[in-house]
N, C-alpha and C. Protein backbone atom coordinates (compact mmCIF):
# COMPACT_ATOMS: atom_id res chain seq x y z
N MET A 1 -40.50 27.28 20.66
CA MET A 1 -41.09 27.49 19.52
C MET A 1 -42.17 28.55 19.69
N ALA A 2 -42.92 28.32 20.77
CA ALA A 2 -44.17 29.33 21.19
C ALA A 2 -43.63 30.92 21.02
N ALA A 3 -42.41 30.93 21.84
CA ALA A 3 -42.02 32.33 21.82
C ALA A 3 -41.37 32.82 20.39
N LEU A 4 -40.96 32.13 19.51
CA LEU A 4 -40.65 32.56 18.28
C LEU A 4 -41.81 32.84 17.44
N GLN A 5 -43.05 32.01 17.66
CA GLN A 5 -44.11 32.36 16.84
C GLN A 5 -44.81 33.86 17.30
N LEU A 6 -44.85 34.04 18.73
CA LEU A 6 -45.33 35.19 19.06
C LEU A 6 -44.54 36.22 18.46
N THR A 7 -43.41 36.19 18.47
CA THR A 7 -42.33 37.11 18.06
C THR A 7 -42.61 37.45 16.68
N ASP A 8 -42.99 36.42 15.81
CA ASP A 8 -43.35 36.57 14.34
C ASP A 8 -44.67 37.32 14.20
N ASP A 9 -45.54 36.77 15.09
CA ASP A 9 -46.88 37.65 15.00
C ASP A 9 -46.69 39.03 15.48
N ILE A 10 -45.97 39.42 16.22
CA ILE A 10 -45.85 40.70 16.69
C ILE A 10 -45.21 41.56 15.64
N ILE A 11 -43.92 41.17 15.18
CA ILE A 11 -43.21 41.83 14.06
C ILE A 11 -44.07 41.80 12.72
N GLY A 12 -44.52 40.59 12.32
CA GLY A 12 -45.30 40.73 11.08
C GLY A 12 -46.46 41.38 11.04
N LEU A 13 -47.38 41.04 10.50
CA LEU A 13 -48.83 41.69 10.47
C LEU A 13 -49.62 41.37 11.61
N PRO A 14 -49.68 42.34 12.62
CA PRO A 14 -50.24 41.77 14.09
C PRO A 14 -51.69 41.47 13.79
N GLY A 15 -52.02 40.67 14.57
CA GLY A 15 -53.58 40.27 14.74
C GLY A 15 -53.97 39.63 16.09
N ARG A 16 -55.02 39.06 16.27
CA ARG A 16 -55.09 38.40 17.56
C ARG A 16 -54.52 37.11 17.64
N LEU A 17 -54.05 36.68 18.84
CA LEU A 17 -53.57 35.21 18.84
C LEU A 17 -54.76 34.44 18.83
N THR A 18 -54.52 33.29 18.20
CA THR A 18 -55.60 32.19 18.13
C THR A 18 -55.61 31.53 19.46
N ASN A 19 -56.65 30.72 19.85
CA ASN A 19 -56.66 30.13 21.24
C ASN A 19 -55.64 28.98 21.08
N GLU A 20 -55.09 28.40 20.08
CA GLU A 20 -54.22 27.39 20.04
C GLU A 20 -52.73 28.01 20.20
N GLN A 21 -52.58 29.29 19.79
CA GLN A 21 -51.32 29.89 20.06
C GLN A 21 -51.20 30.32 21.55
N LYS A 22 -52.48 30.73 22.11
CA LYS A 22 -52.40 30.99 23.43
C LYS A 22 -52.28 29.96 24.33
N ALA A 23 -52.61 28.81 24.07
CA ALA A 23 -52.41 27.39 24.70
C ALA A 23 -50.99 27.09 24.67
N ARG A 24 -50.40 27.22 23.50
CA ARG A 24 -49.05 26.82 23.49
C ARG A 24 -48.13 27.75 24.20
N LEU A 25 -48.39 28.84 24.39
CA LEU A 25 -47.63 29.97 25.05
C LEU A 25 -47.75 29.66 26.69
N ALA A 26 -49.06 29.17 27.02
CA ALA A 26 -49.49 28.88 28.49
C ALA A 26 -48.65 27.63 28.92
N GLU A 27 -48.50 26.59 27.99
CA GLU A 27 -47.71 25.52 28.27
C GLU A 27 -46.34 25.80 28.75
N ASN A 28 -45.91 26.81 28.19
CA ASN A 28 -44.48 27.13 28.27
C ASN A 28 -44.02 28.23 29.12
N PHE A 29 -44.99 29.15 29.31
CA PHE A 29 -44.67 30.28 30.01
C PHE A 29 -45.88 30.67 31.05
N ALA A 30 -45.26 31.42 32.16
CA ALA A 30 -46.53 31.84 33.07
C ALA A 30 -47.06 33.36 32.29
N GLU A 31 -48.26 33.91 32.84
CA GLU A 31 -48.64 35.04 32.31
C GLU A 31 -47.87 35.88 32.11
N ALA A 32 -47.17 36.40 33.33
CA ALA A 32 -46.12 37.46 33.48
C ALA A 32 -44.93 37.28 32.46
N GLU A 33 -44.75 36.04 32.20
CA GLU A 33 -43.57 35.66 31.22
C GLU A 33 -44.08 36.00 29.93
N ILE A 34 -45.14 35.78 29.50
CA ILE A 34 -45.80 36.04 28.19
C ILE A 34 -45.85 37.81 27.91
N ALA A 35 -46.24 38.33 29.06
CA ALA A 35 -46.43 39.70 29.06
C ALA A 35 -45.01 40.49 28.60
N GLU A 36 -44.07 39.67 29.36
CA GLU A 36 -42.67 40.48 29.38
C GLU A 36 -42.03 40.12 27.82
N LEU A 37 -42.24 38.87 27.34
CA LEU A 37 -41.92 38.54 26.13
C LEU A 37 -42.50 39.40 25.15
N ALA A 38 -43.80 39.64 25.15
CA ALA A 38 -44.57 40.52 24.10
C ALA A 38 -43.95 41.96 24.48
N LEU A 39 -44.04 42.52 25.47
CA LEU A 39 -43.68 43.95 25.55
C LEU A 39 -42.12 44.08 25.17
N GLY A 40 -41.21 43.04 25.43
CA GLY A 40 -39.76 43.08 25.16
C GLY A 40 -39.74 43.33 23.56
N VAL A 41 -40.35 42.57 22.89
CA VAL A 41 -40.40 42.56 21.46
C VAL A 41 -41.02 43.66 20.94
N GLY A 42 -42.03 44.15 21.46
CA GLY A 42 -42.53 45.59 20.87
C GLY A 42 -41.86 46.77 21.43
N LEU A 43 -41.16 46.61 22.50
CA LEU A 43 -40.30 47.66 22.79
C LEU A 43 -38.79 47.75 21.73
N PHE A 44 -38.42 46.68 21.57
CA PHE A 44 -37.15 46.81 20.68
C PHE A 44 -37.67 47.10 19.15
N MET A 45 -38.93 46.64 18.88
CA MET A 45 -39.40 46.98 17.46
C MET A 45 -39.54 48.34 17.25
N GLY A 46 -40.20 48.90 18.41
CA GLY A 46 -40.45 50.37 18.18
C GLY A 46 -39.15 51.04 18.45
N MET A 47 -38.38 50.79 19.45
CA MET A 47 -36.74 51.66 19.25
C MET A 47 -36.05 51.64 17.78
N SER A 48 -36.27 50.45 17.45
CA SER A 48 -35.67 50.29 15.88
C SER A 48 -36.12 51.36 15.07
N LYS A 49 -37.45 51.37 14.97
CA LYS A 49 -38.18 52.26 14.15
C LYS A 49 -37.72 53.85 14.47
N VAL A 50 -37.57 54.20 15.81
CA VAL A 50 -37.36 55.51 16.23
C VAL A 50 -35.79 55.81 15.81
N LEU A 51 -35.05 54.84 15.98
CA LEU A 51 -33.46 55.04 15.52
C LEU A 51 -33.47 55.38 14.14
N ILE A 52 -34.13 54.60 13.28
CA ILE A 52 -34.07 54.51 11.96
C ILE A 52 -34.63 55.93 11.54
N THR A 53 -35.63 56.33 11.93
CA THR A 53 -36.17 57.69 11.74
C THR A 53 -35.29 58.92 12.05
N LEU A 54 -34.77 58.66 13.06
CA LEU A 54 -33.87 59.60 13.59
C LEU A 54 -32.40 59.78 12.62
N GLY A 55 -32.16 58.70 11.93
CA GLY A 55 -31.06 58.38 11.41
C GLY A 55 -30.04 58.12 12.33
N LEU A 56 -30.14 57.31 13.33
CA LEU A 56 -29.24 56.97 14.17
C LEU A 56 -28.85 55.43 14.25
N GLU A 57 -29.22 54.73 13.25
CA GLU A 57 -28.90 53.32 13.11
C GLU A 57 -27.33 53.26 12.88
N PRO A 58 -26.58 52.22 13.13
CA PRO A 58 -25.32 52.15 12.62
C PRO A 58 -25.01 52.20 11.35
N GLU A 59 -24.29 52.79 10.49
CA GLU A 59 -24.06 52.87 9.15
C GLU A 59 -23.83 51.48 8.55
N GLN A 60 -23.26 50.47 9.20
CA GLN A 60 -23.24 48.98 8.58
C GLN A 60 -24.51 48.28 8.82
N MET A 61 -25.37 48.78 9.43
CA MET A 61 -26.72 48.09 9.67
C MET A 61 -27.34 47.83 8.34
N ASP A 62 -27.69 46.75 8.00
CA ASP A 62 -28.73 46.51 6.70
C ASP A 62 -30.02 46.74 6.99
N THR A 63 -30.93 47.59 6.35
CA THR A 63 -32.15 47.95 6.70
C THR A 63 -33.12 47.44 5.38
N THR A 64 -34.25 47.00 5.74
CA THR A 64 -35.31 46.65 4.79
C THR A 64 -36.48 47.56 4.91
N VAL A 65 -36.94 48.10 3.91
CA VAL A 65 -38.12 49.16 3.87
C VAL A 65 -39.23 48.35 3.54
N LEU A 66 -40.36 48.17 4.23
CA LEU A 66 -41.58 47.51 3.96
C LEU A 66 -42.62 48.44 3.73
N PRO A 67 -43.69 48.36 2.81
CA PRO A 67 -44.63 49.31 2.74
C PRO A 67 -45.63 49.19 3.82
N THR A 68 -46.29 50.26 4.58
CA THR A 68 -47.31 50.03 5.54
C THR A 68 -48.54 49.50 4.90
N PRO A 69 -48.88 48.33 5.51
CA PRO A 69 -50.24 47.54 4.78
C PRO A 69 -51.22 48.80 4.83
N GLY A 70 -51.97 48.85 3.63
CA GLY A 70 -53.07 49.52 3.25
C GLY A 70 -52.72 50.83 2.84
N SER A 71 -51.33 51.28 2.59
CA SER A 71 -50.84 52.62 1.93
C SER A 71 -50.69 52.41 0.44
């Protein structure tokens, strides 16, 4: 559950993790594993944005356009 919450926090409106969230992650994962989870989610999210921008996403892939916060 902690990994899913971390993923939601990265993909949603990013902000600093609370001490409670950090404690839950630490109960389940080593520091290196937390870093790997966070970097993996970030890389997949970034690559998806690049592919969509370049028009390289699969034709059958549904996309959702969300406005950038503050724009």
